[in-house]
């Protein structure tokens, strides 16, 4: 997706799991100006949190150059992880407040790396409340679950 420096790329993302852990899928929408791109995929053995994170990762990977990005998700885990917890985890050598290894460290590191390329803001929305893009991402995530 090509962008100009001052406009924002909007990313909406969601994950879904059939069992947790179990088969899971992710869905994302990228929107910039009049352009829109939808992404969907999944894996046979995963967790809902991993799919939420994967949706954001796969969407950020679509950007071809540094962008201003607003990521909207219904995952508090994802938003709080990226805005509140990640700096502490890094300071504590990827240990949480219980001094245990951070779960999903591999994906947090990917998100951190991708986020450093862009100027990313994170926004939480309540899921399943009629938010059009969030509902579509949920549908894409469910379609991405392998059968």
N, C-alpha and C. Protein backbone atom coordinates (compact mmCIF):
# COMPACT_ATOMS: atom_id res chain seq x y z
N UNK A 1 0.84 -1.17 0.00
CA UNK A 1 0.00 0.00 0.00
C UNK A 1 0.89 1.24 0.00
N UNK A 2 0.74 2.09 -0.96
CA UNK A 2 1.53 3.32 -1.01
C UNK A 2 0.82 4.39 -0.20
N UNK A 3 1.61 5.18 0.55
CA UNK A 3 1.02 6.23 1.37
C UNK A 3 1.85 7.50 1.29
N UNK A 4 1.19 8.62 1.58
CA UNK A 4 1.94 9.86 1.74
C UNK A 4 2.27 10.02 3.21
N UNK A 5 3.21 10.88 3.51
CA UNK A 5 3.75 10.96 4.86
C UNK A 5 2.75 11.39 5.92
N UNK A 6 1.76 12.20 5.58
CA UNK A 6 0.90 12.77 6.62
C UNK A 6 -0.42 12.05 6.80
N UNK A 7 -0.75 11.12 5.95
CA UNK A 7 -2.02 10.43 6.09
C UNK A 7 -1.85 9.15 6.90
N UNK A 8 -2.95 8.71 7.49
CA UNK A 8 -2.92 7.55 8.37
C UNK A 8 -3.44 6.31 7.66
N UNK A 9 -2.71 5.21 7.82
CA UNK A 9 -3.18 3.91 7.38
C UNK A 9 -3.95 3.33 8.57
N UNK A 10 -5.21 3.00 8.32
CA UNK A 10 -6.02 2.38 9.35
C UNK A 10 -5.95 0.87 9.20
N UNK A 11 -5.68 0.19 10.31
CA UNK A 11 -5.67 -1.26 10.34
C UNK A 11 -6.68 -1.70 11.39
N UNK A 12 -7.53 -2.61 11.00
CA UNK A 12 -8.49 -3.23 11.91
C UNK A 12 -8.13 -4.71 11.94
N UNK A 13 -8.11 -5.32 13.12
CA UNK A 13 -7.69 -6.72 13.16
C UNK A 13 -8.42 -7.49 14.26
N UNK A 14 -8.50 -8.80 14.03
CA UNK A 14 -9.16 -9.68 15.00
C UNK A 14 -8.62 -11.09 14.82
N UNK A 15 -8.75 -11.87 15.88
CA UNK A 15 -8.38 -13.26 15.86
C UNK A 15 -9.53 -14.11 16.38
N UNK A 16 -9.52 -15.38 16.03
CA UNK A 16 -10.56 -16.30 16.49
C UNK A 16 -9.94 -17.68 16.66
N UNK A 17 -10.50 -18.45 17.57
CA UNK A 17 -10.01 -19.80 17.81
C UNK A 17 -11.19 -20.72 18.06
N UNK A 18 -11.11 -21.93 17.53
CA UNK A 18 -12.12 -22.95 17.77
C UNK A 18 -11.53 -23.90 18.81
N UNK A 19 -11.78 -23.59 20.08
CA UNK A 19 -11.04 -24.19 21.18
C UNK A 19 -9.87 -23.28 21.45
N UNK A 20 -9.37 -23.27 22.66
CA UNK A 20 -8.27 -22.37 22.99
C UNK A 20 -7.33 -23.08 23.96
N UNK A 21 -6.31 -23.79 23.46
CA UNK A 21 -5.82 -23.82 22.08
C UNK A 21 -6.68 -24.70 21.16
N UNK A 22 -6.44 -24.47 19.89
CA UNK A 22 -7.13 -25.22 18.86
C UNK A 22 -6.85 -24.57 17.52
N UNK A 23 -7.59 -24.94 16.49
CA UNK A 23 -7.43 -24.28 15.20
C UNK A 23 -7.87 -22.82 15.32
N UNK A 24 -7.12 -21.93 14.68
CA UNK A 24 -7.44 -20.51 14.79
C UNK A 24 -7.24 -19.77 13.49
N UNK A 25 -7.85 -18.60 13.44
CA UNK A 25 -7.73 -17.75 12.26
C UNK A 25 -7.58 -16.30 12.65
N UNK A 26 -7.13 -15.52 11.68
CA UNK A 26 -7.01 -14.08 11.88
C UNK A 26 -7.62 -13.36 10.69
N UNK A 27 -8.03 -12.14 10.93
CA UNK A 27 -8.55 -11.29 9.87
C UNK A 27 -8.09 -9.87 10.08
N UNK A 28 -7.82 -9.18 9.00
CA UNK A 28 -7.40 -7.78 9.09
C UNK A 28 -7.89 -7.01 7.87
N UNK A 29 -8.13 -5.74 8.11
CA UNK A 29 -8.48 -4.81 7.04
C UNK A 29 -7.47 -3.66 7.11
N UNK A 30 -6.89 -3.33 5.98
CA UNK A 30 -6.05 -2.14 5.86
C UNK A 30 -6.83 -1.14 5.02
N UNK A 31 -6.87 0.09 5.47
CA UNK A 31 -7.60 1.12 4.74
C UNK A 31 -6.74 2.38 4.68
N UNK A 32 -6.64 2.89 3.47
CA UNK A 32 -5.88 4.11 3.25
C UNK A 32 -6.54 4.88 2.12
N UNK A 33 -7.04 6.06 2.43
CA UNK A 33 -7.74 6.82 1.40
C UNK A 33 -8.89 5.99 0.86
N UNK A 34 -8.96 5.84 -0.43
CA UNK A 34 -10.01 5.05 -1.04
C UNK A 34 -9.66 3.58 -1.22
N UNK A 35 -8.45 3.19 -0.77
CA UNK A 35 -8.01 1.81 -0.94
C UNK A 35 -8.36 0.98 0.28
N UNK A 36 -8.65 -0.29 0.04
CA UNK A 36 -8.95 -1.21 1.14
C UNK A 36 -8.41 -2.59 0.77
N UNK A 37 -7.80 -3.25 1.72
CA UNK A 37 -7.27 -4.59 1.50
C UNK A 37 -7.67 -5.45 2.70
N UNK A 38 -8.16 -6.66 2.42
CA UNK A 38 -8.53 -7.60 3.47
C UNK A 38 -7.56 -8.77 3.49
N UNK A 39 -7.22 -9.23 4.70
CA UNK A 39 -6.32 -10.36 4.90
C UNK A 39 -7.00 -11.40 5.78
N UNK A 40 -6.68 -12.66 5.53
CA UNK A 40 -7.22 -13.73 6.34
C UNK A 40 -6.29 -14.91 6.27
N UNK A 41 -6.20 -15.66 7.35
CA UNK A 41 -5.38 -16.86 7.36
C UNK A 41 -5.56 -17.58 8.67
N UNK A 42 -4.85 -18.67 8.84
CA UNK A 42 -4.99 -19.40 10.08
C UNK A 42 -3.99 -20.52 10.21
N UNK A 43 -4.11 -21.23 11.32
CA UNK A 43 -3.23 -22.34 11.62
C UNK A 43 -3.99 -23.38 12.44
N UNK A 44 -3.50 -24.60 12.40
CA UNK A 44 -4.24 -25.72 13.01
C UNK A 44 -4.16 -25.76 14.53
N UNK A 45 -3.09 -25.28 15.14
CA UNK A 45 -2.94 -25.36 16.59
C UNK A 45 -2.38 -24.04 17.10
N UNK A 46 -3.23 -23.28 17.78
CA UNK A 46 -2.83 -21.95 18.23
C UNK A 46 -3.74 -21.52 19.37
N UNK A 47 -3.61 -20.26 19.76
CA UNK A 47 -4.50 -19.68 20.77
C UNK A 47 -5.14 -18.42 20.19
N UNK A 48 -6.18 -17.98 20.83
CA UNK A 48 -6.85 -16.75 20.40
C UNK A 48 -5.88 -15.57 20.46
N UNK A 49 -5.11 -15.46 21.54
CA UNK A 49 -4.17 -14.33 21.65
C UNK A 49 -3.14 -14.34 20.53
N UNK A 50 -2.65 -15.52 20.17
CA UNK A 50 -1.68 -15.59 19.07
C UNK A 50 -2.31 -15.13 17.76
N UNK A 51 -3.57 -15.46 17.54
CA UNK A 51 -4.23 -15.04 16.31
C UNK A 51 -4.49 -13.53 16.31
N UNK A 52 -4.83 -12.96 17.46
CA UNK A 52 -4.99 -11.50 17.56
C UNK A 52 -3.68 -10.81 17.17
N UNK A 53 -2.58 -11.32 17.68
CA UNK A 53 -1.27 -10.74 17.40
C UNK A 53 -0.88 -10.96 15.94
N UNK A 54 -1.15 -12.14 15.42
CA UNK A 54 -0.81 -12.46 14.04
C UNK A 54 -1.54 -11.54 13.06
N UNK A 55 -2.79 -11.21 13.37
CA UNK A 55 -3.55 -10.30 12.51
C UNK A 55 -2.83 -8.96 12.38
N UNK A 56 -2.37 -8.43 13.49
CA UNK A 56 -1.65 -7.15 13.46
C UNK A 56 -0.31 -7.28 12.73
N UNK A 57 0.40 -8.36 12.98
CA UNK A 57 1.70 -8.58 12.32
C UNK A 57 1.52 -8.67 10.81
N UNK A 58 0.58 -9.48 10.36
CA UNK A 58 0.39 -9.66 8.92
C UNK A 58 -0.06 -8.36 8.26
N UNK A 59 -0.86 -7.57 8.94
CA UNK A 59 -1.28 -6.28 8.38
C UNK A 59 -0.09 -5.33 8.28
N UNK A 60 0.71 -5.24 9.33
CA UNK A 60 1.87 -4.34 9.28
C UNK A 60 2.87 -4.77 8.21
N UNK A 61 2.97 -6.05 7.96
CA UNK A 61 3.88 -6.56 6.92
C UNK A 61 3.48 -6.10 5.53
N UNK A 62 2.25 -5.70 5.34
CA UNK A 62 1.77 -5.25 4.03
C UNK A 62 2.30 -3.87 3.66
N UNK A 63 2.73 -3.10 4.66
CA UNK A 63 3.16 -1.72 4.41
C UNK A 63 4.56 -1.70 3.82
N UNK A 64 4.70 -0.98 2.72
CA UNK A 64 5.94 -1.01 1.95
C UNK A 64 6.96 0.04 2.39
N UNK A 65 6.53 1.02 3.16
CA UNK A 65 7.46 2.04 3.66
C UNK A 65 6.91 2.57 4.97
N UNK A 66 7.69 3.33 5.72
CA UNK A 66 7.22 3.84 7.01
C UNK A 66 5.92 4.65 6.87
N UNK A 67 4.99 4.38 7.77
CA UNK A 67 3.66 5.00 7.72
C UNK A 67 3.20 5.41 9.11
N UNK A 68 2.26 6.33 9.14
CA UNK A 68 1.49 6.61 10.35
C UNK A 68 0.35 5.61 10.35
N UNK A 69 0.22 4.84 11.44
CA UNK A 69 -0.72 3.74 11.47
C UNK A 69 -1.58 3.82 12.73
N UNK A 70 -2.87 3.58 12.55
CA UNK A 70 -3.78 3.42 13.67
C UNK A 70 -4.32 1.99 13.61
N UNK A 71 -3.99 1.19 14.63
CA UNK A 71 -4.47 -0.19 14.69
C UNK A 71 -5.61 -0.26 15.68
N UNK A 72 -6.76 -0.72 15.20
CA UNK A 72 -7.95 -0.87 16.03
C UNK A 72 -8.24 -2.35 16.20
N UNK A 73 -8.40 -2.77 17.45
CA UNK A 73 -8.61 -4.17 17.78
C UNK A 73 -9.53 -4.29 18.98
N UNK A 74 -10.16 -5.44 19.13
CA UNK A 74 -10.96 -5.69 20.33
C UNK A 74 -10.17 -6.49 21.37
N UNK A 75 -8.87 -6.62 21.16
CA UNK A 75 -8.02 -7.37 22.07
C UNK A 75 -7.30 -6.45 23.05
N UNK A 76 -7.76 -6.46 24.29
CA UNK A 76 -7.06 -5.67 25.31
C UNK A 76 -5.66 -6.23 25.53
N UNK A 77 -5.51 -7.53 25.40
CA UNK A 77 -4.20 -8.17 25.53
C UNK A 77 -3.20 -7.55 24.55
N UNK A 78 -3.61 -7.38 23.32
CA UNK A 78 -2.75 -6.80 22.29
C UNK A 78 -2.46 -5.33 22.57
N UNK A 79 -3.49 -4.56 22.85
CA UNK A 79 -3.31 -3.12 23.08
C UNK A 79 -2.46 -2.87 24.34
N UNK A 80 -2.82 -3.52 25.44
CA UNK A 80 -2.06 -3.30 26.68
C UNK A 80 -0.64 -3.83 26.55
N UNK A 81 -0.49 -4.97 25.85
CA UNK A 81 0.85 -5.50 25.64
C UNK A 81 1.75 -4.51 24.94
N UNK A 82 1.23 -3.87 23.90
CA UNK A 82 2.04 -2.94 23.11
C UNK A 82 2.17 -1.55 23.74
N UNK A 83 1.22 -1.15 24.56
CA UNK A 83 1.26 0.22 25.10
C UNK A 83 1.65 0.30 26.57
N UNK A 84 1.47 -0.78 27.32
CA UNK A 84 1.73 -0.73 28.76
C UNK A 84 2.79 -1.72 29.24
N UNK A 85 2.80 -2.93 28.71
CA UNK A 85 3.60 -4.00 29.30
C UNK A 85 4.94 -4.22 28.63
N UNK A 86 5.07 -3.96 27.34
CA UNK A 86 6.24 -4.43 26.59
C UNK A 86 7.56 -3.82 27.06
N UNK A 87 7.54 -2.55 27.45
CA UNK A 87 8.79 -1.94 27.91
C UNK A 87 9.29 -2.60 29.19
N UNK A 88 8.37 -2.91 30.09
CA UNK A 88 8.75 -3.60 31.33
C UNK A 88 9.28 -4.99 31.06
N UNK A 89 8.62 -5.70 30.14
CA UNK A 89 9.09 -7.03 29.79
C UNK A 89 10.52 -6.99 29.26
N UNK A 90 10.81 -6.00 28.42
CA UNK A 90 12.16 -5.89 27.87
C UNK A 90 13.17 -5.59 28.98
N UNK A 91 12.81 -4.66 29.87
CA UNK A 91 13.70 -4.32 30.99
C UNK A 91 13.98 -5.54 31.86
N UNK A 92 12.97 -6.39 32.00
CA UNK A 92 13.09 -7.58 32.86
C UNK A 92 13.52 -8.81 32.07
N UNK A 93 14.13 -8.59 30.92
CA UNK A 93 14.61 -9.67 30.06
C UNK A 93 13.50 -10.66 29.73
N UNK A 94 12.37 -10.09 29.29
CA UNK A 94 11.21 -10.84 28.84
C UNK A 94 10.64 -11.75 29.93
N UNK A 95 10.55 -11.16 31.13
CA UNK A 95 9.88 -11.81 32.26
C UNK A 95 8.68 -10.95 32.64
N UNK A 96 7.61 -11.60 33.08
CA UNK A 96 6.42 -10.85 33.49
C UNK A 96 6.51 -10.48 34.97
N UNK A 97 5.43 -9.94 35.51
CA UNK A 97 5.45 -9.49 36.90
C UNK A 97 5.63 -10.65 37.89
N UNK A 98 5.33 -11.87 37.45
CA UNK A 98 5.53 -13.06 38.29
C UNK A 98 6.92 -13.67 38.08
N UNK A 99 7.76 -12.97 37.31
CA UNK A 99 9.11 -13.41 36.97
C UNK A 99 9.13 -14.68 36.12
N UNK A 100 8.02 -14.91 35.42
CA UNK A 100 7.92 -16.03 34.49
C UNK A 100 8.19 -15.53 33.08
N UNK A 101 8.62 -16.42 32.18
CA UNK A 101 8.83 -15.99 30.79
C UNK A 101 7.53 -15.46 30.18
N UNK A 102 7.65 -14.38 29.41
CA UNK A 102 6.49 -13.78 28.76
C UNK A 102 5.95 -14.74 27.70
N UNK A 103 4.65 -14.98 27.76
CA UNK A 103 3.99 -15.84 26.78
C UNK A 103 3.94 -15.11 25.43
N UNK A 104 4.16 -15.82 24.36
CA UNK A 104 4.11 -15.28 22.99
C UNK A 104 5.25 -14.30 22.70
N UNK A 105 6.37 -14.48 23.38
CA UNK A 105 7.52 -13.58 23.19
C UNK A 105 7.90 -13.45 21.71
N UNK A 106 7.83 -14.55 20.97
CA UNK A 106 8.21 -14.52 19.56
C UNK A 106 7.35 -13.51 18.79
N UNK A 107 6.06 -13.49 19.07
CA UNK A 107 5.17 -12.57 18.37
C UNK A 107 5.31 -11.14 18.89
N UNK A 108 5.52 -10.98 20.20
CA UNK A 108 5.74 -9.62 20.74
C UNK A 108 6.98 -9.00 20.10
N UNK A 109 8.03 -9.81 19.93
CA UNK A 109 9.25 -9.28 19.31
C UNK A 109 9.00 -8.88 17.86
N UNK A 110 8.20 -9.66 17.13
CA UNK A 110 7.87 -9.29 15.75
C UNK A 110 7.07 -7.98 15.72
N UNK A 111 6.09 -7.87 16.61
CA UNK A 111 5.29 -6.64 16.67
C UNK A 111 6.16 -5.44 17.01
N UNK A 112 7.05 -5.62 17.95
CA UNK A 112 7.95 -4.54 18.36
C UNK A 112 8.82 -4.10 17.18
N UNK A 113 9.37 -5.05 16.48
CA UNK A 113 10.22 -4.75 15.34
C UNK A 113 9.45 -4.02 14.24
N UNK A 114 8.27 -4.51 13.91
CA UNK A 114 7.44 -3.87 12.88
C UNK A 114 6.98 -2.48 13.32
N UNK A 115 6.68 -2.34 14.60
CA UNK A 115 6.20 -1.05 15.11
C UNK A 115 7.28 0.02 15.09
N UNK A 116 8.53 -0.39 15.18
CA UNK A 116 9.63 0.58 15.15
C UNK A 116 9.80 1.20 13.76
N UNK A 117 9.35 0.51 12.73
CA UNK A 117 9.44 1.02 11.36
C UNK A 117 8.41 2.13 11.13
N UNK A 118 7.29 2.03 11.83
CA UNK A 118 6.15 2.93 11.61
C UNK A 118 5.87 3.74 12.87
N UNK A 119 5.02 4.72 12.72
CA UNK A 119 4.48 5.44 13.88
C UNK A 119 3.11 4.83 14.14
N UNK A 120 3.02 3.97 15.18
CA UNK A 120 1.83 3.18 15.41
C UNK A 120 1.09 3.65 16.65
N UNK A 121 -0.20 3.83 16.50
CA UNK A 121 -1.09 4.08 17.63
C UNK A 121 -2.01 2.87 17.75
N UNK A 122 -2.38 2.55 18.97
CA UNK A 122 -3.22 1.39 19.25
C UNK A 122 -4.54 1.86 19.84
N UNK A 123 -5.64 1.29 19.36
CA UNK A 123 -6.96 1.66 19.83
C UNK A 123 -7.77 0.40 20.12
N UNK A 124 -8.38 0.36 21.30
CA UNK A 124 -9.23 -0.76 21.67
C UNK A 124 -10.69 -0.40 21.43
N UNK A 125 -11.45 -1.34 20.89
CA UNK A 125 -12.91 -1.21 20.77
C UNK A 125 -13.53 -2.47 21.36
N UNK A 126 -14.68 -2.32 21.94
CA UNK A 126 -15.40 -3.47 22.47
C UNK A 126 -15.86 -4.33 21.30
N UNK A 127 -15.60 -5.63 21.39
CA UNK A 127 -15.96 -6.55 20.31
C UNK A 127 -17.44 -6.88 20.30
N UNK A 128 -17.91 -7.27 19.15
CA UNK A 128 -19.28 -7.76 18.96
C UNK A 128 -20.34 -6.74 19.38
N UNK A 129 -20.06 -5.49 19.03
CA UNK A 129 -21.01 -4.41 19.37
C UNK A 129 -21.46 -3.65 18.13
N UNK A 130 -21.25 -4.25 16.97
CA UNK A 130 -21.70 -3.61 15.74
C UNK A 130 -20.69 -2.71 15.07
N UNK A 131 -19.45 -2.64 15.58
CA UNK A 131 -18.39 -1.88 14.92
C UNK A 131 -18.14 -2.56 13.58
N UNK A 132 -18.43 -1.89 12.48
CA UNK A 132 -18.46 -2.51 11.15
C UNK A 132 -17.15 -3.23 10.81
N UNK A 133 -16.03 -2.56 10.96
CA UNK A 133 -14.75 -3.17 10.59
C UNK A 133 -14.38 -4.31 11.55
N UNK A 134 -14.67 -4.14 12.83
CA UNK A 134 -14.38 -5.20 13.78
C UNK A 134 -15.22 -6.44 13.48
N UNK A 135 -16.47 -6.25 13.13
CA UNK A 135 -17.34 -7.38 12.77
C UNK A 135 -16.82 -8.08 11.51
N UNK A 136 -16.36 -7.31 10.53
CA UNK A 136 -15.83 -7.90 9.30
C UNK A 136 -14.54 -8.66 9.60
N UNK A 137 -13.68 -8.11 10.45
CA UNK A 137 -12.45 -8.81 10.80
C UNK A 137 -12.75 -10.12 11.53
N UNK A 138 -13.76 -10.09 12.39
CA UNK A 138 -14.18 -11.32 13.06
C UNK A 138 -14.62 -12.38 12.04
N UNK A 139 -15.37 -11.95 11.05
CA UNK A 139 -15.82 -12.85 9.99
C UNK A 139 -14.61 -13.41 9.22
N UNK A 140 -13.68 -12.53 8.86
CA UNK A 140 -12.47 -12.97 8.15
C UNK A 140 -11.66 -13.96 8.99
N UNK A 141 -11.55 -13.69 10.30
CA UNK A 141 -10.80 -14.58 11.19
C UNK A 141 -11.46 -15.94 11.26
N UNK A 142 -12.78 -15.97 11.37
CA UNK A 142 -13.49 -17.26 11.43
C UNK A 142 -13.35 -18.01 10.11
N UNK A 143 -13.37 -17.29 9.00
CA UNK A 143 -13.17 -17.93 7.69
C UNK A 143 -11.76 -18.48 7.54
N UNK A 144 -10.80 -17.88 8.27
CA UNK A 144 -9.41 -18.33 8.18
C UNK A 144 -9.09 -19.58 8.99
N UNK A 145 -10.01 -19.98 9.87
CA UNK A 145 -9.76 -21.17 10.70
C UNK A 145 -9.74 -22.41 9.81
N UNK A 146 -8.63 -23.18 9.85
CA UNK A 146 -8.56 -24.39 9.03
C UNK A 146 -9.58 -25.44 9.53
N UNK A 147 -10.18 -26.12 8.57
CA UNK A 147 -11.16 -27.17 8.94
C UNK A 147 -10.51 -28.55 8.89
